[in-house]
């Protein structure tokens, strides 16, 4: 009788474990049906990363990195296509060593990265390269072209400045095309929590390091995985914008800015102005030509309609861009709403499909061509420091 009771209890425990694991597995699958912008969303992918078993298409889209805040994950795969090269930017990798090819760097946020298209070749920087390749025998001094897409989703002028200063200037671009302001326009320099270092806006506390052995053993259970991810990894699983602060205000220890104490005759209290001012200065000092696009939005789309302050702020920042472009002798690219020939090309307020990206690329490509054919070819400076 005791043996039967013991067997029954064991069977009950096993059945209970199976039911619990099934609940965990179903929970993982149901939770994975929602894939927020820029986050993992997929609990199964998170689990494989934590177990150290991630496949190419399981990798996170971005990784935290010192000084740059975050970077595109090298080798990242999406929709069966490699989106990021081994150097950590979207598209074909360009050798670090400079050659006599015309090297064009594109800096900006998601509208440069190309969030509206599913492959790197359809982004507007890549399409500029394709257009210039076709134009090569029509006055480009027969020079081949190299394209670096330095676009970074959610990037502000702070990341653009950091990426140029710490990374892309070492590629010695001949031309730097800057398309910015959209992400800076999401907040104001007069906001209560505003900090010029953008610590009120940028979140870098997201990562999926491989777990130690004990943690991996526990995560073999789907139920434990479901509970753990739900409790401890919501920053990468459920947050709509894991790179941006929303409900989490800047910590008190990081607050230092007092707008009233700033001598506005000496320095602008608006970090966007200061960041772009310094970025254009550095580009010019390095001997490259800067080309600047204003940030164009579709004001009829939902976000712009619901956030008129965002629209106003975008126009304000575009004014700064135009002013600084003139001050630094950069080239203003007349990008406007009418540049996009088809209304359906707008995926939302600012992101475009492949056809819209082509419209934008045609404008930029023609601007580059006009600049090149009026400027004599420059001999490569091989001076070493």
Protein backbone atom coordinates (compact mmCIF):
# COMPACT_ATOMS: atom_id res chain seq x y z
CA UNK A 1 0.00 0.00 0.00
CA UNK A 2 2.83 2.38 0.91
CA UNK A 3 4.54 1.60 -2.41
CA UNK A 4 1.38 2.50 -4.35
CA UNK A 5 1.04 5.76 -2.39
CA UNK A 6 4.66 6.64 -3.09
CA UNK A 7 4.25 5.91 -6.80
CA UNK A 8 1.05 7.90 -6.92
CA UNK A 9 2.74 10.90 -5.29
CA UNK A 10 5.67 10.63 -7.69
CA UNK A 11 3.32 10.43 -10.65
CA UNK A 12 1.39 13.44 -9.33
CA UNK A 13 4.59 15.46 -8.91
CA UNK A 14 5.76 14.55 -12.43
CA UNK A 15 2.37 15.43 -13.87
CA UNK A 16 2.39 18.74 -11.97
CA UNK A 17 5.90 19.54 -13.27
CA UNK A 18 4.77 18.78 -16.83
CA UNK A 19 1.74 21.04 -16.43
CA UNK A 20 3.88 23.83 -14.96
CA UNK A 21 6.40 23.50 -17.80
CA UNK A 22 3.58 23.50 -20.33
CA UNK A 23 2.20 26.69 -18.77
CA UNK A 24 5.69 28.22 -18.97
CA UNK A 25 6.12 27.16 -22.60
CA UNK A 26 2.69 28.50 -23.62
CA UNK A 27 3.41 31.72 -21.71
CA UNK A 28 6.72 32.12 -23.57
CA UNK A 29 4.97 31.64 -26.90
CA UNK A 30 2.05 33.95 -26.14
CA UNK A 31 4.33 36.70 -24.82
CA UNK A 32 6.51 36.34 -27.91
CA UNK A 33 3.61 37.22 -30.21
CA UNK A 34 4.17 40.90 -29.39
CA UNK A 35 7.42 42.28 -30.81
CA UNK A 36 7.81 45.95 -29.82
CA UNK A 37 9.95 48.41 -31.77
CA UNK A 38 13.67 47.83 -31.28
CA UNK A 39 13.18 45.26 -28.51
CA UNK A 40 13.61 41.50 -28.55
CA UNK A 41 9.95 40.83 -27.86
CA UNK A 42 10.56 37.13 -28.53
CA UNK A 43 11.00 35.35 -25.18
CA UNK A 44 12.49 32.31 -26.91
CA UNK A 45 15.26 34.44 -28.42
CA UNK A 46 15.96 36.02 -25.05
CA UNK A 47 16.19 32.57 -23.48
CA UNK A 48 18.63 31.34 -26.13
CA UNK A 49 20.81 34.42 -25.62
CA UNK A 50 20.88 33.87 -21.86
CA UNK A 51 21.74 30.21 -22.40
CA UNK A 52 24.57 31.15 -24.80
CA UNK A 53 22.81 29.32 -27.63
CA UNK A 54 21.79 32.31 -29.78
CA UNK A 55 21.64 31.81 -33.53
CA UNK A 56 22.44 34.59 -35.99
CA UNK A 57 18.81 35.72 -36.10
CA UNK A 58 18.52 35.60 -32.30
CA UNK A 59 21.08 38.35 -31.66
CA UNK A 60 19.91 41.67 -30.22
CA UNK A 61 19.73 44.49 -32.74
CA UNK A 62 21.88 46.75 -30.54
CA UNK A 63 24.47 46.34 -27.81
CA UNK A 64 25.54 48.83 -25.12
CA UNK A 65 29.07 50.11 -25.72
CA UNK A 66 31.23 52.65 -23.92
CA UNK A 67 31.33 56.26 -25.24
CA UNK A 68 29.03 55.48 -28.18
CA UNK A 69 26.14 54.53 -25.83
CA UNK A 70 25.08 51.65 -28.10
CA UNK A 71 25.99 50.16 -31.44
CA UNK A 72 24.43 47.97 -34.13
CA UNK A 73 25.23 44.36 -33.30
CA UNK A 74 27.81 43.04 -35.80
CA UNK A 75 26.41 40.20 -37.91
CA UNK A 76 22.80 40.92 -36.92
CA UNK A 77 20.32 39.00 -39.09
CA UNK A 78 16.70 40.00 -39.67
CA UNK A 79 14.16 38.51 -42.10
CA UNK A 80 16.83 36.08 -43.25
CA UNK A 81 19.18 38.88 -44.35
CA UNK A 82 22.40 40.11 -42.77
CA UNK A 83 21.67 43.72 -41.76
CA UNK A 84 24.89 44.73 -39.99
CA UNK A 85 28.46 44.10 -41.09
CA UNK A 86 31.33 43.02 -38.84
CA UNK A 87 32.37 46.64 -38.22
CA UNK A 88 29.00 47.39 -36.61
CA UNK A 89 27.03 49.46 -39.11
CA UNK A 90 24.39 48.68 -41.72
CA UNK A 91 25.32 47.66 -45.25
CA UNK A 92 28.53 46.64 -46.99
CA UNK A 93 31.65 47.02 -44.87
CA UNK A 94 34.19 49.55 -46.11
CA UNK A 95 37.92 49.00 -45.41
CA UNK A 96 39.30 51.28 -42.72
CA UNK A 97 42.29 52.12 -44.93
CA UNK A 98 41.48 54.97 -47.31
CA UNK A 99 41.88 54.54 -51.07
CA UNK A 100 41.28 56.89 -54.00
CA UNK A 101 37.58 56.00 -54.04
CA UNK A 102 35.03 58.66 -53.14
CA UNK A 103 34.06 57.79 -49.57
CA UNK A 104 30.67 59.05 -48.35
CA UNK A 105 29.57 58.75 -44.73
CA UNK A 106 25.91 59.07 -43.79
CA UNK A 107 25.07 60.07 -40.22
CA UNK A 108 21.61 60.20 -38.66
CA UNK A 109 18.95 58.25 -36.86
CA UNK A 110 16.46 55.66 -38.08
CA UNK A 111 15.70 57.65 -41.25
CA UNK A 112 19.35 57.11 -42.24
CA UNK A 113 19.55 53.56 -40.92
CA UNK A 114 16.45 52.80 -43.01
CA UNK A 115 13.89 51.49 -40.52
CA UNK A 116 11.19 51.43 -43.17
CA UNK A 117 12.93 48.84 -45.35
CA UNK A 118 13.83 45.24 -44.65
CA UNK A 119 17.25 45.05 -46.29
CA UNK A 120 20.37 47.20 -46.24
CA UNK A 121 20.46 47.65 -50.04
CA UNK A 122 17.13 49.51 -50.03
CA UNK A 123 18.20 52.22 -47.57
CA UNK A 124 18.71 55.69 -48.98
CA UNK A 125 22.52 55.68 -48.36
CA UNK A 126 22.87 52.40 -50.27
CA UNK A 127 20.67 53.71 -53.08
CA UNK A 128 22.79 56.87 -53.28
CA UNK A 129 25.75 54.57 -53.90
CA UNK A 130 23.84 52.76 -56.64
CA UNK A 131 22.82 56.04 -58.28
CA UNK A 132 26.36 57.43 -58.18
CA UNK A 133 27.69 54.18 -59.62
CA UNK A 134 25.44 54.72 -62.63
CA UNK A 135 26.58 58.35 -62.82
CA UNK A 136 30.28 57.51 -62.49
CA UNK A 137 31.05 58.01 -66.18
CA UNK A 138 29.03 61.23 -66.33
CA UNK A 139 31.41 63.68 -64.69
CA UNK A 140 32.45 62.06 -61.41
CA UNK A 141 36.07 61.99 -62.58
CA UNK A 142 35.57 58.25 -63.08
CA UNK A 143 35.88 57.69 -59.32
CA UNK A 144 34.33 54.68 -57.67
CA UNK A 145 32.19 55.27 -54.61
CA UNK A 146 32.19 53.78 -51.11
CA UNK A 147 29.16 54.17 -48.85
CA UNK A 148 29.17 54.01 -45.04
CA UNK A 149 25.71 53.96 -43.48
CA UNK A 150 26.35 55.30 -39.99
CA UNK A 151 22.63 55.60 -39.26
CA UNK A 152 21.57 54.50 -35.81
CA UNK A 153 17.97 54.00 -34.74
CA UNK A 154 16.88 56.38 -31.97
CA UNK A 155 20.15 58.33 -32.31
CA UNK A 156 20.24 61.97 -31.29
CA UNK A 157 22.81 64.61 -32.17
CA UNK A 158 24.76 63.36 -29.14
CA UNK A 159 25.27 59.90 -30.66
CA UNK A 160 25.96 61.38 -34.10
CA UNK A 161 28.68 63.58 -32.67
CA UNK A 162 30.13 60.70 -30.64
CA UNK A 163 30.09 58.30 -33.59
CA UNK A 164 31.90 60.75 -35.82
CA UNK A 165 34.42 61.74 -33.16
CA UNK A 166 35.16 58.29 -31.77
CA UNK A 167 34.68 56.10 -34.84
CA UNK A 168 33.87 57.29 -38.32
CA UNK A 169 36.41 60.10 -38.67
CA UNK A 170 39.04 57.34 -38.75
CA UNK A 171 37.52 56.20 -42.05
CA UNK A 172 38.49 59.60 -43.54
CA UNK A 173 35.27 60.26 -45.47
CA UNK A 174 35.35 62.77 -48.32
CA UNK A 175 31.70 63.73 -47.81
CA UNK A 176 29.53 63.47 -44.69
CA UNK A 177 25.77 63.57 -45.24
CA UNK A 178 23.93 64.51 -42.06
CA UNK A 179 20.20 63.90 -41.61
CA UNK A 180 19.23 64.64 -38.04
CA UNK A 181 16.82 66.42 -35.64
CA UNK A 182 13.94 63.91 -35.49
CA UNK A 183 14.96 62.27 -32.23
CA UNK A 184 16.15 65.50 -30.59
CA UNK A 185 12.73 66.96 -31.37
CA UNK A 186 11.11 64.43 -29.03
CA UNK A 187 12.07 66.65 -26.10
CA UNK A 188 12.71 70.32 -25.42
CA UNK A 189 15.63 72.15 -23.87
CA UNK A 190 13.04 73.69 -21.54
CA UNK A 191 11.68 70.36 -20.26
CA UNK A 192 11.77 69.93 -16.49
CA UNK A 193 14.05 66.87 -16.61
CA UNK A 194 16.20 68.13 -19.50
CA UNK A 195 19.94 67.52 -19.24
CA UNK A 196 22.32 68.64 -22.05
CA UNK A 197 24.13 65.29 -21.83
CA UNK A 198 20.76 63.69 -22.71
CA UNK A 199 20.86 61.46 -19.64
CA UNK A 200 17.14 62.28 -19.27
CA UNK A 201 16.49 60.61 -22.61
CA UNK A 202 19.04 57.91 -23.29
CA UNK A 203 18.93 54.50 -21.65
CA UNK A 204 21.97 52.24 -21.92
CA UNK A 205 20.96 49.80 -19.20
CA UNK A 206 19.99 46.98 -21.52
CA UNK A 207 21.97 43.86 -22.23
CA UNK A 208 21.68 40.09 -22.40
CA UNK A 209 24.91 38.64 -21.05
CA UNK A 210 25.22 34.88 -21.05
CA UNK A 211 24.24 33.46 -17.66
CA UNK A 212 26.61 31.55 -15.38
CA UNK A 213 26.28 27.77 -15.19
CA UNK A 214 23.73 27.76 -12.33
CA UNK A 215 21.57 30.29 -14.12
CA UNK A 216 21.69 28.29 -17.34
CA UNK A 217 20.60 25.18 -15.47
CA UNK A 218 17.60 27.00 -13.98
CA UNK A 219 16.67 28.52 -17.37
CA UNK A 220 16.36 25.05 -18.88
CA UNK A 221 12.92 25.19 -17.31
CA UNK A 222 10.43 27.04 -19.53
CA UNK A 223 8.43 28.07 -16.48
CA UNK A 224 11.45 29.56 -14.73
CA UNK A 225 12.47 31.19 -18.02
CA UNK A 226 9.02 32.74 -18.43
CA UNK A 227 8.92 34.08 -14.87
CA UNK A 228 12.55 35.31 -14.96
CA UNK A 229 12.21 37.12 -18.28
CA UNK A 230 8.90 38.68 -17.24
CA UNK A 231 10.37 39.92 -13.96
CA UNK A 232 13.98 40.77 -14.76
CA UNK A 233 14.31 41.34 -18.51
CA UNK A 234 11.35 43.58 -19.32
CA UNK A 235 13.81 46.28 -20.41
CA UNK A 236 14.58 44.21 -23.50
CA UNK A 237 11.40 42.13 -23.68
CA UNK A 238 8.47 44.45 -23.19
CA UNK A 239 9.67 48.04 -23.40
CA UNK A 240 8.52 49.77 -26.55
CA UNK A 241 11.77 51.77 -26.85
CA UNK A 242 14.47 50.09 -24.72
CA UNK A 243 17.02 52.71 -25.83
CA UNK A 244 14.96 55.62 -24.52
CA UNK A 245 13.81 56.68 -21.06
CA UNK A 246 10.05 56.85 -20.71
CA UNK A 247 8.61 56.17 -17.29
CA UNK A 248 12.11 56.10 -15.80
CA UNK A 249 13.23 59.71 -15.13
CA UNK A 250 16.90 60.63 -14.89
CA UNK A 251 18.27 59.64 -11.45
CA UNK A 252 18.72 62.48 -8.98
CA UNK A 253 22.48 61.90 -8.85
CA UNK A 254 22.71 62.65 -12.58
CA UNK A 255 20.89 65.99 -12.41
CA UNK A 256 23.20 68.99 -12.63
CA UNK A 257 21.84 71.37 -15.25
CA UNK A 258 20.44 74.78 -14.28
CA UNK A 259 19.22 76.59 -17.39
CA UNK A 260 18.98 79.92 -15.55
CA UNK A 261 22.71 79.82 -14.77
CA UNK A 262 23.78 79.58 -18.42
CA UNK A 263 25.34 82.59 -20.10
CA UNK A 264 23.39 82.40 -23.35
CA UNK A 265 25.66 84.99 -24.97
CA UNK A 266 28.46 82.46 -24.65
CA UNK A 267 26.81 79.10 -25.25
CA UNK A 268 23.38 77.91 -26.33
CA UNK A 269 21.41 76.09 -23.62
CA UNK A 270 20.11 73.83 -26.41
CA UNK A 271 22.46 70.86 -26.70
CA UNK A 272 21.29 70.12 -30.25
CA UNK A 273 22.74 73.42 -31.44
CA UNK A 274 26.03 72.82 -29.63
CA UNK A 275 26.33 69.22 -30.81
CA UNK A 276 25.74 70.04 -34.48
CA UNK A 277 27.98 73.10 -34.27
CA UNK A 278 30.87 70.96 -33.02
CA UNK A 279 30.10 68.10 -35.43
CA UNK A 280 30.21 70.36 -38.49
CA UNK A 281 33.38 71.99 -37.17
CA UNK A 282 35.10 68.60 -36.80
CA UNK A 283 33.97 67.44 -40.25
CA UNK A 284 35.40 70.59 -41.83
CA UNK A 285 38.60 70.39 -39.80
CA UNK A 286 39.13 66.85 -41.08
CA UNK A 287 38.95 68.11 -44.65
CA UNK A 288 35.57 66.56 -45.48
CA UNK A 289 32.56 68.30 -46.99
CA UNK A 290 29.36 68.27 -44.94
CA UNK A 291 25.94 68.06 -46.58
CA UNK A 292 22.92 68.66 -44.35
CA UNK A 293 19.30 67.59 -44.84
CA UNK A 294 16.45 69.11 -42.85
CA UNK A 295 14.24 66.66 -41.01
CA UNK A 296 11.02 66.21 -42.96
CA UNK A 297 7.87 64.76 -41.41
CA UNK A 298 4.45 63.86 -42.70
CA UNK A 299 2.32 66.12 -40.56
CA UNK A 300 -0.85 64.23 -41.48
CA UNK A 301 0.27 61.03 -39.78
CA UNK A 302 -0.92 60.03 -36.33
CA UNK A 303 2.09 60.93 -34.17
CA UNK A 304 2.46 64.42 -35.62
CA UNK A 305 -1.26 65.11 -35.37
CA UNK A 306 -1.32 64.03 -31.71
CA UNK A 307 1.93 65.85 -30.84
CA UNK A 308 1.89 69.38 -32.29
CA UNK A 309 4.76 70.33 -29.99
CA UNK A 310 6.91 67.75 -31.78
CA UNK A 311 6.13 69.39 -35.12
CA UNK A 312 6.97 72.83 -33.73
CA UNK A 313 10.21 71.57 -32.23
CA UNK A 314 11.19 69.92 -35.53
CA UNK A 315 10.86 73.23 -37.35
CA UNK A 316 12.90 74.91 -34.63
CA UNK A 317 15.74 72.39 -34.98
CA UNK A 318 15.63 72.62 -38.77
CA UNK A 319 16.18 76.35 -38.32
CA UNK A 320 19.30 75.61 -36.28
CA UNK A 321 20.49 73.21 -38.96
CA UNK A 322 20.12 75.77 -41.72
CA UNK A 323 21.87 78.44 -39.66
CA UNK A 324 24.80 76.17 -38.77
CA UNK A 325 25.08 74.88 -42.34
CA UNK A 326 25.65 78.44 -43.52
CA UNK A 327 28.05 79.25 -40.67
CA UNK A 328 30.28 76.26 -41.43
CA UNK A 329 30.17 76.54 -45.21
CA UNK A 330 28.40 73.20 -45.52
CA UNK A 331 25.97 72.29 -48.31
CA UNK A 332 22.24 72.49 -47.70
CA UNK A 333 20.28 69.69 -49.38
CA UNK A 334 16.74 70.94 -50.21
CA UNK A 335 14.90 67.89 -48.92
CA UNK A 336 11.17 68.61 -48.50
CA UNK A 337 7.85 66.83 -48.24
CA UNK A 338 7.35 67.03 -52.01
CA UNK A 339 10.61 65.14 -52.61
CA UNK A 340 8.67 61.97 -51.83
CA UNK A 341 6.50 61.50 -54.89
CA UNK A 342 4.01 58.98 -53.49
CA UNK A 343 1.98 59.43 -50.30
CA UNK A 344 2.00 55.68 -49.71
CA UNK A 345 5.79 55.72 -49.36
CA UNK A 346 5.40 57.16 -45.85
CA UNK A 347 5.43 54.25 -43.40
CA UNK A 348 4.64 56.65 -40.57
CA UNK A 349 5.56 60.27 -39.78
CA UNK A 350 9.12 60.06 -41.07
CA UNK A 351 10.11 56.56 -42.25
CA UNK A 352 9.91 55.60 -45.92
CA UNK A 353 9.55 52.46 -47.98
CA UNK A 354 12.10 51.55 -50.68
CA UNK A 355 10.51 53.83 -53.29
CA UNK A 356 10.52 56.76 -50.90
CA UNK A 357 14.13 56.02 -50.02
CA UNK A 358 14.89 56.13 -53.76
CA UNK A 359 13.29 59.59 -54.06
CA UNK A 360 15.43 60.81 -51.20
CA UNK A 361 18.54 59.11 -52.60
CA UNK A 362 18.01 60.71 -56.01
CA UNK A 363 18.01 64.19 -54.46
CA UNK A 364 21.13 63.50 -52.41
CA UNK A 365 22.87 61.73 -55.31
CA UNK A 366 22.27 64.68 -57.63
CA UNK A 367 23.55 67.09 -54.97
CA UNK A 368 26.73 65.05 -54.59
CA UNK A 369 27.17 64.81 -58.36
CA UNK A 370 26.81 68.58 -58.81
CA UNK A 371 29.38 69.13 -56.05
CA UNK A 372 31.87 66.67 -57.51
CA UNK A 373 31.74 67.86 -61.12
CA UNK A 374 32.46 71.44 -60.03
CA UNK A 375 35.34 70.43 -57.82
CA UNK A 376 38.68 69.10 -59.18
CA UNK A 377 39.76 65.67 -57.96
CA UNK A 378 41.87 65.77 -54.81
CA UNK A 379 45.04 63.76 -54.49
CA UNK A 380 44.95 61.37 -51.57
CA UNK A 381 47.02 62.69 -48.66
CA UNK A 382 49.10 59.78 -47.41
CA UNK A 383 50.82 61.80 -44.69
CA UNK A 384 51.17 59.84 -41.48
CA UNK A 385 51.05 61.29 -38.03
